[in-house]
Amino acid sequence: MVVIAICGTPGTGKSELAKLFEKCGFKVIHLSSFVIENKLYQGYDKARGAYIIDEGKLVDKIKEVLEKNNNVVIEGIGAEVLPSKLVDLCIVLTCEPFMLEKRLSERGFSYEKIQENLEAERFGVILGEAMNNYGKSKVMIFDTTYTSVEELFQVIVDELRKRGIDVEKKT
């Protein structure tokens, strides 16, 4: 069994990468929808436009999923702070701010939300949290600025194989 967390600021490619793992038979948990669907939040922050996650409930529900599935990918903002004992590997996706701004603008993000995410990317907030939580040996960092998600996936698969984790596409 292997559990992979995929994290990064919005627009770095987390969801697209998770879809490729899903094609290989991984159970994928998209944290945003998982939290909402299972009511794993304490409330809603109107100013930030985000749910406030109840970490205890989230961890309990993820443990339930892990008991029923062998290979799991957990993607989304917040994956970088899941309990280290639950995660075998954390993939942190980064992107140069100029490209990230373009991607978020194309998605219709507000100016304020774009600036908030660009600041988080510039300061390496998510990467820092992942390193503090999981440690250097569990974290892999990939820049998605000029790399397609398919190319990135192949690099990750090769790295996973070096670590003794085989990933095969299901047909």
Protein backbone atom coordinates (compact mmCIF):
# COMPACT_ATOMS: atom_id res chain seq x y z
CA MET A 1 0.00 0.00 0.00
CA VAL A 2 1.21 3.48 -0.84
CA VAL A 3 -0.28 6.85 0.09
CA ILE A 4 0.83 9.89 -1.90
CA ALA A 5 -0.06 13.47 -1.02
CA ILE A 6 -0.01 16.00 -3.88
CA CYS A 7 0.04 19.64 -2.87
CA GLY A 8 0.82 23.08 -4.24
CA THR A 9 -0.88 26.42 -4.77
CA PRO A 10 -3.91 26.50 -7.07
CA GLY A 11 -2.90 26.28 -10.72
CA THR A 12 0.18 24.10 -10.29
CA GLY A 13 -1.45 20.93 -11.69
CA LYS A 14 -2.48 18.89 -8.66
CA SER A 15 -5.85 17.72 -9.98
CA GLU A 16 -4.51 16.86 -13.45
CA LEU A 17 -1.66 14.84 -11.94
CA ALA A 18 -4.08 13.03 -9.62
CA LYS A 19 -6.20 12.03 -12.64
CA LEU A 20 -3.19 10.25 -14.13
CA PHE A 21 -2.68 8.31 -10.91
CA GLU A 22 -6.38 7.42 -10.97
CA LYS A 23 -5.89 5.88 -14.44
CA CYS A 24 -3.28 3.63 -12.80
CA GLY A 25 -5.78 2.30 -10.26
CA PHE A 26 -5.12 4.69 -7.39
CA LYS A 27 -8.04 5.82 -5.27
CA VAL A 28 -7.96 9.64 -5.47
CA ILE A 29 -9.21 11.93 -2.74
CA HIS A 30 -9.72 15.52 -3.92
CA LEU A 31 -9.53 17.28 -0.56
CA SER A 32 -11.77 20.24 -1.42
CA SER A 33 -14.75 18.15 -2.49
CA PHE A 34 -14.00 15.42 0.08
CA VAL A 35 -14.23 17.95 2.92
CA ILE A 36 -17.47 19.44 1.64
CA GLU A 37 -19.17 16.13 0.73
CA ASN A 38 -18.37 14.61 4.13
CA LYS A 39 -19.02 17.83 6.11
CA LEU A 40 -15.49 17.77 7.54
CA TYR A 41 -15.43 21.48 8.32
CA GLN A 42 -16.05 23.73 11.31
CA GLY A 43 -17.47 26.63 9.34
CA TYR A 44 -16.99 28.87 6.34
CA ASP A 45 -14.64 31.84 6.09
CA LYS A 46 -16.53 34.32 3.89
CA ALA A 47 -13.57 36.70 3.62
CA ARG A 48 -11.31 34.00 2.13
CA GLY A 49 -14.08 32.07 0.40
CA ALA A 50 -13.01 28.80 2.00
CA TYR A 51 -14.21 26.17 4.43
CA ILE A 52 -12.41 25.84 7.76
CA ILE A 53 -11.36 22.19 7.91
CA ASP A 54 -11.96 20.16 11.05
CA GLU A 55 -8.61 18.35 11.02
CA GLY A 56 -9.68 15.65 13.48
CA LYS A 57 -12.73 14.68 11.41
CA LEU A 58 -10.69 14.84 8.20
CA VAL A 59 -7.99 12.51 9.52
CA ASP A 60 -10.58 10.03 10.83
CA LYS A 61 -12.38 9.94 7.46
CA ILE A 62 -9.12 9.55 5.53
CA LYS A 63 -8.16 6.64 7.79
CA GLU A 64 -11.47 4.98 6.82
CA VAL A 65 -10.62 5.34 3.12
CA LEU A 66 -7.09 4.02 3.67
CA GLU A 67 -8.45 0.89 5.39
CA LYS A 68 -10.45 0.04 2.25
CA ASN A 69 -7.93 0.93 -0.48
CA ASN A 70 -4.37 -0.11 -1.29
CA ASN A 71 -2.99 2.80 -3.29
CA VAL A 72 -4.29 6.28 -2.51
CA VAL A 73 -3.52 9.79 -3.75
CA ILE A 74 -4.69 12.70 -1.62
CA GLU A 75 -4.53 15.96 -3.55
CA GLY A 76 -5.31 19.51 -2.66
CA ILE A 77 -4.48 22.38 -0.42
CA GLY A 78 -4.07 20.91 3.05
CA ALA A 79 -2.43 17.67 1.89
CA GLU A 80 0.89 19.12 3.06
CA VAL A 81 -0.20 19.01 6.71
CA LEU A 82 -1.79 15.57 6.96
CA PRO A 83 -0.24 13.40 9.68
CA SER A 84 3.14 12.19 8.44
CA LYS A 85 2.45 8.63 9.59
CA LEU A 86 -0.43 8.40 7.06
CA VAL A 87 1.58 9.52 4.02
CA ASP A 88 4.44 7.68 2.33
CA LEU A 89 5.36 10.41 -0.13
CA CYS A 90 4.46 14.08 -0.61
CA ILE A 91 4.71 15.61 -4.08
CA VAL A 92 4.90 19.40 -3.99
CA LEU A 93 4.14 21.16 -7.27
CA THR A 94 5.52 24.64 -7.84
CA CYS A 95 5.22 27.16 -10.67
CA GLU A 96 6.95 30.42 -11.53
CA PRO A 97 4.71 33.32 -10.42
CA PHE A 98 4.36 34.85 -13.91
CA MET A 99 2.90 31.58 -15.26
CA LEU A 100 0.85 30.94 -12.13
CA GLU A 101 -0.72 34.40 -12.47
CA LYS A 102 -1.66 33.62 -16.07
CA ARG A 103 -3.20 30.25 -15.12
CA LEU A 104 -5.21 31.68 -12.23
CA SER A 105 -6.39 34.62 -14.33
CA GLU A 106 -7.58 32.20 -17.04
CA ARG A 107 -9.54 30.35 -14.35
CA GLY A 108 -11.32 33.56 -13.36
CA PHE A 109 -9.71 34.03 -9.95
CA SER A 110 -10.22 37.49 -8.44
CA TYR A 111 -7.28 39.89 -8.32
CA GLU A 112 -7.08 39.49 -4.51
CA LYS A 113 -7.10 35.68 -4.70
CA ILE A 114 -4.43 35.70 -7.40
CA GLN A 115 -2.20 37.97 -5.30
CA GLU A 116 -2.71 35.80 -2.20
CA ASN A 117 -1.67 32.68 -4.13
CA LEU A 118 1.27 34.40 -5.81
CA GLU A 119 2.55 35.49 -2.42
CA ALA A 120 2.22 31.96 -1.06
CA GLU A 121 4.14 30.64 -4.08
CA ARG A 122 6.89 33.27 -3.85
CA PHE A 123 7.46 32.52 -0.18
CA GLY A 124 7.22 28.75 -0.61
CA VAL A 125 4.52 28.46 2.03
CA ILE A 126 3.22 25.05 0.99
CA LEU A 127 6.69 23.66 0.34
CA GLY A 128 7.81 24.86 3.77
CA GLU A 129 4.83 23.26 5.49
CA ALA A 130 5.40 19.99 3.61
CA MET A 131 9.11 19.91 4.52
CA ASN A 132 8.36 20.69 8.17
CA ASN A 133 5.65 18.05 8.34
CA TYR A 134 7.05 15.19 6.25
CA GLY A 135 10.80 15.78 6.23
CA LYS A 136 13.19 15.86 3.30
CA SER A 137 13.10 12.10 2.63
CA LYS A 138 9.33 12.06 1.99
CA VAL A 139 9.06 15.22 -0.14
CA MET A 140 9.55 15.42 -3.92
CA ILE A 141 9.42 18.89 -5.54
CA PHE A 142 8.49 19.48 -9.17
CA ASP A 143 8.26 22.76 -11.10
CA THR A 144 5.31 22.69 -13.52
CA THR A 145 6.06 26.00 -15.27
CA TYR A 146 7.24 24.48 -18.54
CA THR A 147 6.46 20.78 -18.03
CA SER A 148 3.27 19.09 -19.20
CA VAL A 149 1.43 17.01 -16.63
CA GLU A 150 2.11 13.89 -18.74
CA GLU A 151 5.87 14.55 -18.77
CA LEU A 152 5.79 15.25 -15.06
CA PHE A 153 3.87 12.04 -14.39
CA GLN A 154 6.50 9.98 -16.20
CA VAL A 155 9.30 11.58 -14.16
CA ILE A 156 7.36 10.83 -10.96
CA VAL A 157 6.66 7.23 -12.01
CA ASP A 158 10.38 6.73 -12.71
CA GLU A 159 11.25 8.16 -9.29
CA LEU A 160 8.63 5.99 -7.58
CA ARG A 161 10.07 2.89 -9.25
CA LYS A 162 13.51 3.81 -7.88
CA ARG A 163 11.84 3.80 -4.46
CA GLY A 164 10.30 0.38 -5.07
CA ILE A 165 6.79 1.60 -5.86
CA ASP A 166 5.49 0.31 -9.18
CA VAL A 167 2.83 2.33 -11.02
CA GLU A 168 1.22 0.73 -14.07
CA LYS A 169 -1.52 2.14 -16.29
CA LYS A 170 -4.74 0.14 -16.25
CA THR A 171 -6.40 -0.53 -19.58
